Amino acid sequence: MSFRPERLAEAIKKEVSELLREEMKDPRIGFVSITSVEVSKDLRYANVYASVFGEPAQQKVTIETLQKAQGFIRGELGRRIRLRYTPEITFKLDQSISHGSRIMALMEAVKEKGGGLNE
């Protein structure tokens, strides 16, 4: 069993995070955090999951902007990570963080109303 896809996923996550923080100055890109990367077994494709802080409209604009910049990002990855083939990158919105915070808020609301299970 090869751990190569996992190692490549970590390297892509690190490099894309750094690129977004230091190189990408597009105002349409909101506060983005790369949460995970999934690389196919043949190392040809990578799904980059990004959590975007803000309203759904802002999240949509940010993901669309990242998709348009994927050629630039892929080129930079090719320079930074030595591979025979740089994977095709697809950005996807990761809503797990916002989903989790919404659940926490709902739980707090139930607790405040006295509907807790511990009573």
N, C-alpha and C. Protein backbone atom coordinates (compact mmCIF):
# COMPACT_ATOMS: atom_id res chain seq x y z
N MET A 1 0.84 -1.19 0.00
CA MET A 1 0.00 0.00 0.00
C MET A 1 0.89 1.26 0.00
N SER A 2 0.55 2.20 -0.84
CA SER A 2 1.36 3.41 -0.97
C SER A 2 0.72 4.56 -0.20
N PHE A 3 1.56 5.31 0.50
CA PHE A 3 1.07 6.49 1.19
C PHE A 3 1.31 7.74 0.36
N ARG A 4 1.74 7.58 -0.86
CA ARG A 4 2.08 8.71 -1.70
C ARG A 4 0.92 9.70 -1.90
N PRO A 5 -0.30 9.24 -2.19
CA PRO A 5 -1.39 10.22 -2.34
C PRO A 5 -1.61 11.05 -1.08
N GLU A 6 -1.49 10.44 0.09
CA GLU A 6 -1.68 11.17 1.34
C GLU A 6 -0.57 12.21 1.54
N ARG A 7 0.67 11.82 1.24
CA ARG A 7 1.78 12.76 1.39
C ARG A 7 1.63 13.91 0.41
N LEU A 8 1.24 13.60 -0.82
CA LEU A 8 1.03 14.64 -1.83
C LEU A 8 -0.12 15.56 -1.40
N ALA A 9 -1.18 15.00 -0.84
CA ALA A 9 -2.32 15.80 -0.38
C ALA A 9 -1.87 16.80 0.68
N GLU A 10 -1.03 16.36 1.62
CA GLU A 10 -0.53 17.26 2.66
C GLU A 10 0.34 18.37 2.05
N ALA A 11 1.18 18.01 1.09
CA ALA A 11 2.04 19.00 0.44
C ALA A 11 1.20 20.03 -0.32
N ILE A 12 0.18 19.57 -1.03
CA ILE A 12 -0.70 20.47 -1.78
C ILE A 12 -1.43 21.40 -0.81
N LYS A 13 -1.93 20.85 0.29
CA LYS A 13 -2.64 21.65 1.29
C LYS A 13 -1.73 22.77 1.82
N LYS A 14 -0.51 22.43 2.15
CA LYS A 14 0.45 23.40 2.67
C LYS A 14 0.76 24.49 1.64
N GLU A 15 1.05 24.07 0.42
CA GLU A 15 1.44 25.02 -0.62
C GLU A 15 0.27 25.92 -1.05
N VAL A 16 -0.93 25.35 -1.20
CA VAL A 16 -2.08 26.16 -1.60
C VAL A 16 -2.42 27.17 -0.50
N SER A 17 -2.34 26.74 0.76
CA SER A 17 -2.59 27.67 1.87
C SER A 17 -1.60 28.83 1.82
N GLU A 18 -0.34 28.50 1.59
CA GLU A 18 0.70 29.53 1.51
C GLU A 18 0.46 30.47 0.32
N LEU A 19 0.10 29.88 -0.83
CA LEU A 19 -0.19 30.69 -2.02
C LEU A 19 -1.32 31.68 -1.75
N LEU A 20 -2.40 31.19 -1.15
CA LEU A 20 -3.55 32.05 -0.88
C LEU A 20 -3.19 33.16 0.09
N ARG A 21 -2.35 32.84 1.06
CA ARG A 21 -1.98 33.82 2.08
C ARG A 21 -1.02 34.87 1.54
N GLU A 22 -0.06 34.45 0.68
CA GLU A 22 1.01 35.35 0.29
C GLU A 22 0.97 35.87 -1.14
N GLU A 23 0.43 35.09 -2.06
CA GLU A 23 0.52 35.47 -3.48
C GLU A 23 -0.79 36.01 -4.06
N MET A 24 -1.91 35.45 -3.64
CA MET A 24 -3.19 35.82 -4.23
C MET A 24 -3.74 37.08 -3.56
N LYS A 25 -3.81 38.15 -4.31
CA LYS A 25 -4.26 39.42 -3.76
C LYS A 25 -5.62 39.84 -4.33
N ASP A 26 -6.37 38.87 -4.86
CA ASP A 26 -7.66 39.16 -5.47
C ASP A 26 -8.68 39.53 -4.37
N PRO A 27 -9.31 40.70 -4.47
CA PRO A 27 -10.26 41.12 -3.43
C PRO A 27 -11.52 40.24 -3.37
N ARG A 28 -11.79 39.48 -4.43
CA ARG A 28 -12.97 38.61 -4.43
C ARG A 28 -12.76 37.37 -3.56
N ILE A 29 -11.50 37.10 -3.22
CA ILE A 29 -11.22 35.94 -2.37
C ILE A 29 -11.35 36.38 -0.93
N GLY A 30 -12.32 35.79 -0.25
CA GLY A 30 -12.57 36.14 1.15
C GLY A 30 -11.57 35.44 2.07
N PHE A 31 -11.96 35.33 3.33
CA PHE A 31 -11.11 34.65 4.32
C PHE A 31 -11.25 33.15 4.09
N VAL A 32 -10.22 32.54 3.51
CA VAL A 32 -10.26 31.13 3.10
C VAL A 32 -9.29 30.31 3.93
N SER A 33 -9.74 29.13 4.29
CA SER A 33 -8.88 28.16 4.96
C SER A 33 -8.99 26.84 4.21
N ILE A 34 -7.86 26.27 3.83
CA ILE A 34 -7.87 24.97 3.15
C ILE A 34 -8.02 23.91 4.24
N THR A 35 -9.13 23.18 4.21
CA THR A 35 -9.40 22.22 5.28
C THR A 35 -8.86 20.84 4.96
N SER A 36 -8.93 20.43 3.70
CA SER A 36 -8.38 19.13 3.33
C SER A 36 -8.17 19.05 1.82
N VAL A 37 -7.39 18.05 1.44
CA VAL A 37 -7.13 17.80 0.02
C VAL A 37 -7.23 16.29 -0.19
N GLU A 38 -7.94 15.89 -1.23
CA GLU A 38 -8.03 14.47 -1.60
C GLU A 38 -7.36 14.31 -2.96
N VAL A 39 -6.39 13.41 -3.04
CA VAL A 39 -5.67 13.17 -4.29
C VAL A 39 -6.06 11.78 -4.79
N SER A 40 -6.32 11.66 -6.10
CA SER A 40 -6.66 10.36 -6.67
C SER A 40 -5.45 9.43 -6.59
N LYS A 41 -5.72 8.12 -6.66
CA LYS A 41 -4.64 7.14 -6.54
C LYS A 41 -3.57 7.29 -7.62
N ASP A 42 -3.99 7.74 -8.82
CA ASP A 42 -3.01 7.92 -9.90
C ASP A 42 -2.32 9.29 -9.84
N LEU A 43 -2.63 10.08 -8.82
CA LEU A 43 -2.01 11.40 -8.57
C LEU A 43 -2.33 12.42 -9.66
N ARG A 44 -3.36 12.19 -10.45
CA ARG A 44 -3.69 13.10 -11.55
C ARG A 44 -4.71 14.17 -11.17
N TYR A 45 -5.51 13.91 -10.14
CA TYR A 45 -6.58 14.83 -9.76
C TYR A 45 -6.54 15.11 -8.27
N ALA A 46 -6.84 16.35 -7.90
CA ALA A 46 -6.89 16.72 -6.50
C ALA A 46 -8.11 17.59 -6.24
N ASN A 47 -8.91 17.20 -5.25
CA ASN A 47 -10.01 18.03 -4.78
C ASN A 47 -9.51 18.80 -3.57
N VAL A 48 -9.56 20.12 -3.66
CA VAL A 48 -9.10 20.98 -2.57
C VAL A 48 -10.35 21.55 -1.90
N TYR A 49 -10.54 21.19 -0.63
CA TYR A 49 -11.70 21.64 0.12
C TYR A 49 -11.34 22.90 0.89
N ALA A 50 -12.11 23.96 0.66
CA ALA A 50 -11.84 25.25 1.27
C ALA A 50 -13.04 25.69 2.10
N SER A 51 -12.75 26.13 3.31
CA SER A 51 -13.78 26.72 4.17
C SER A 51 -13.67 28.23 4.01
N VAL A 52 -14.79 28.86 3.70
CA VAL A 52 -14.79 30.31 3.47
C VAL A 52 -15.67 30.97 4.51
N PHE A 53 -15.09 31.93 5.23
CA PHE A 53 -15.83 32.67 6.23
C PHE A 53 -16.70 33.71 5.53
N GLY A 54 -17.97 33.80 5.93
CA GLY A 54 -18.83 34.82 5.37
C GLY A 54 -20.17 34.27 4.91
N GLU A 55 -20.90 35.14 4.25
CA GLU A 55 -22.23 34.80 3.76
C GLU A 55 -22.13 33.83 2.58
N PRO A 56 -23.21 33.07 2.32
CA PRO A 56 -23.19 32.13 1.18
C PRO A 56 -22.82 32.78 -0.15
N ALA A 57 -23.26 34.02 -0.38
CA ALA A 57 -22.93 34.70 -1.64
C ALA A 57 -21.42 34.93 -1.73
N GLN A 58 -20.81 35.37 -0.63
CA GLN A 58 -19.36 35.59 -0.60
C GLN A 58 -18.62 34.27 -0.78
N GLN A 59 -19.12 33.19 -0.17
CA GLN A 59 -18.50 31.88 -0.30
C GLN A 59 -18.50 31.43 -1.76
N LYS A 60 -19.65 31.65 -2.43
CA LYS A 60 -19.79 31.25 -3.83
C LYS A 60 -18.79 32.02 -4.71
N VAL A 61 -18.70 33.33 -4.50
CA VAL A 61 -17.78 34.16 -5.28
C VAL A 61 -16.33 33.72 -5.06
N THR A 62 -15.99 33.42 -3.81
CA THR A 62 -14.62 33.00 -3.49
C THR A 62 -14.27 31.69 -4.19
N ILE A 63 -15.16 30.71 -4.11
CA ILE A 63 -14.90 29.42 -4.76
C ILE A 63 -14.81 29.59 -6.27
N GLU A 64 -15.69 30.39 -6.87
CA GLU A 64 -15.63 30.64 -8.32
C GLU A 64 -14.31 31.30 -8.70
N THR A 65 -13.86 32.26 -7.89
CA THR A 65 -12.59 32.95 -8.16
C THR A 65 -11.42 31.98 -8.06
N LEU A 66 -11.45 31.10 -7.07
CA LEU A 66 -10.39 30.09 -6.92
C LEU A 66 -10.39 29.14 -8.13
N GLN A 67 -11.58 28.77 -8.61
CA GLN A 67 -11.66 27.89 -9.78
C GLN A 67 -11.04 28.58 -11.00
N LYS A 68 -11.30 29.88 -11.16
CA LYS A 68 -10.73 30.62 -12.30
C LYS A 68 -9.22 30.74 -12.18
N ALA A 69 -8.72 30.77 -10.95
CA ALA A 69 -7.28 30.91 -10.72
C ALA A 69 -6.56 29.56 -10.64
N GLN A 70 -7.29 28.48 -10.88
CA GLN A 70 -6.68 27.16 -10.70
C GLN A 70 -5.51 26.92 -11.64
N GLY A 71 -5.50 27.52 -12.82
CA GLY A 71 -4.36 27.37 -13.73
C GLY A 71 -3.10 27.97 -13.13
N PHE A 72 -3.24 29.17 -12.58
CA PHE A 72 -2.12 29.83 -11.92
C PHE A 72 -1.65 29.00 -10.72
N ILE A 73 -2.62 28.55 -9.90
CA ILE A 73 -2.30 27.79 -8.70
C ILE A 73 -1.62 26.46 -9.08
N ARG A 74 -2.13 25.82 -10.11
CA ARG A 74 -1.53 24.54 -10.55
C ARG A 74 -0.11 24.77 -11.05
N GLY A 75 0.11 25.86 -11.78
CA GLY A 75 1.45 26.19 -12.26
C GLY A 75 2.42 26.42 -11.11
N GLU A 76 1.96 27.15 -10.10
CA GLU A 76 2.79 27.40 -8.92
C GLU A 76 3.09 26.10 -8.18
N LEU A 77 2.08 25.24 -8.08
CA LEU A 77 2.31 23.93 -7.43
C LEU A 77 3.35 23.13 -8.19
N GLY A 78 3.30 23.19 -9.52
CA GLY A 78 4.26 22.48 -10.35
C GLY A 78 5.69 22.95 -10.10
N ARG A 79 5.84 24.24 -9.83
CA ARG A 79 7.17 24.77 -9.53
C ARG A 79 7.63 24.41 -8.12
N ARG A 80 6.68 24.36 -7.18
CA ARG A 80 7.03 24.14 -5.78
C ARG A 80 7.16 22.67 -5.39
N ILE A 81 6.37 21.81 -6.03
CA ILE A 81 6.40 20.38 -5.71
C ILE A 81 6.90 19.65 -6.96
N ARG A 82 7.98 18.94 -6.84
CA ARG A 82 8.57 18.23 -7.98
C ARG A 82 7.81 16.94 -8.27
N LEU A 83 7.03 16.96 -9.35
CA LEU A 83 6.26 15.79 -9.78
C LEU A 83 6.35 15.67 -11.29
N ARG A 84 6.15 14.46 -11.77
CA ARG A 84 6.12 14.27 -13.22
C ARG A 84 4.88 14.97 -13.79
N TYR A 85 3.75 14.79 -13.10
CA TYR A 85 2.50 15.45 -13.53
C TYR A 85 1.93 16.21 -12.34
N THR A 86 1.61 17.47 -12.55
CA THR A 86 0.94 18.23 -11.50
C THR A 86 -0.56 17.92 -11.60
N PRO A 87 -1.19 17.54 -10.49
CA PRO A 87 -2.61 17.15 -10.57
C PRO A 87 -3.53 18.28 -11.02
N GLU A 88 -4.61 17.89 -11.69
CA GLU A 88 -5.69 18.83 -12.00
C GLU A 88 -6.37 19.17 -10.67
N ILE A 89 -6.59 20.44 -10.43
CA ILE A 89 -7.14 20.87 -9.15
C ILE A 89 -8.58 21.32 -9.31
N THR A 90 -9.42 20.88 -8.38
CA THR A 90 -10.80 21.34 -8.32
C THR A 90 -11.05 21.86 -6.91
N PHE A 91 -11.56 23.07 -6.81
CA PHE A 91 -11.87 23.64 -5.51
C PHE A 91 -13.31 23.33 -5.16
N LYS A 92 -13.52 22.92 -3.93
CA LYS A 92 -14.87 22.62 -3.44
C LYS A 92 -15.07 23.31 -2.10
N LEU A 93 -16.29 23.81 -1.89
CA LEU A 93 -16.61 24.49 -0.65
C LEU A 93 -16.81 23.46 0.45
N ASP A 94 -16.07 23.60 1.53
CA ASP A 94 -16.21 22.72 2.70
C ASP A 94 -17.08 23.46 3.70
N GLN A 95 -18.29 22.93 3.92
CA GLN A 95 -19.22 23.61 4.82
C GLN A 95 -19.26 22.96 6.20
N SER A 96 -18.33 22.06 6.48
CA SER A 96 -18.37 21.35 7.75
C SER A 96 -18.18 22.29 8.93
N ILE A 97 -17.32 23.31 8.80
CA ILE A 97 -17.09 24.22 9.92
C ILE A 97 -18.34 25.06 10.19
N SER A 98 -18.93 25.62 9.13
CA SER A 98 -20.14 26.43 9.33
C SER A 98 -21.30 25.55 9.81
N HIS A 99 -21.36 24.32 9.32
CA HIS A 99 -22.40 23.38 9.74
C HIS A 99 -22.23 23.07 11.23
N GLY A 100 -21.00 22.83 11.65
CA GLY A 100 -20.70 22.54 13.05
C GLY A 100 -21.04 23.71 13.96
N SER A 101 -20.71 24.92 13.53
CA SER A 101 -20.99 26.09 14.37
C SER A 101 -22.50 26.33 14.45
N ARG A 102 -23.23 26.01 13.38
CA ARG A 102 -24.69 26.15 13.41
C ARG A 102 -25.29 25.16 14.40
N ILE A 103 -24.80 23.93 14.41
CA ILE A 103 -25.29 22.92 15.36
C ILE A 103 -25.01 23.37 16.79
N MET A 104 -23.79 23.90 17.02
CA MET A 104 -23.44 24.38 18.37
C MET A 104 -24.38 25.51 18.80
N ALA A 105 -24.70 26.43 17.89
CA ALA A 105 -25.61 27.53 18.20
C ALA A 105 -27.00 27.00 18.54
N LEU A 106 -27.47 26.01 17.78
CA LEU A 106 -28.78 25.42 18.05
C LEU A 106 -28.79 24.72 19.40
N MET A 107 -27.70 24.03 19.73
CA MET A 107 -27.61 23.35 21.02
C MET A 107 -27.63 24.36 22.17
N GLU A 108 -26.93 25.48 21.98
CA GLU A 108 -26.92 26.53 23.00
C GLU A 108 -28.32 27.11 23.19
N ALA A 109 -29.04 27.30 22.09
CA ALA A 109 -30.40 27.85 22.15
C ALA A 109 -31.32 26.91 22.92
N VAL A 110 -31.21 25.62 22.67
CA VAL A 110 -32.02 24.63 23.38
C VAL A 110 -31.68 24.64 24.87
N LYS A 111 -30.40 24.71 25.16
CA LYS A 111 -29.93 24.72 26.56
C LYS A 111 -30.48 25.94 27.31
N GLU A 112 -30.47 27.11 26.64
CA GLU A 112 -30.96 28.34 27.26
C GLU A 112 -32.46 28.29 27.53
N LYS A 113 -33.19 27.58 26.69
CA LYS A 113 -34.64 27.47 26.86
C LYS A 113 -35.01 26.44 27.93
N GLY A 114 -34.00 25.78 28.46
CA GLY A 114 -34.27 24.80 29.52
C GLY A 114 -34.72 23.45 28.99
N GLY A 115 -34.43 23.20 27.74
CA GLY A 115 -34.82 21.92 27.15
C GLY A 115 -33.69 20.92 27.17
N GLY A 116 -32.74 21.10 28.05
CA GLY A 116 -31.60 20.19 28.12
C GLY A 116 -32.01 18.81 28.59
N LEU A 117 -31.21 17.82 28.30
CA LEU A 117 -31.49 16.44 28.66
C LEU A 117 -31.08 16.13 30.10
N ASN A 118 -30.29 16.99 30.72
CA ASN A 118 -29.76 16.71 32.05
C ASN A 118 -30.67 17.18 33.18
N GLU A 119 -31.86 17.59 32.88
CA GLU A 119 -32.72 18.16 33.92
C GLU A 119 -33.71 17.14 34.44
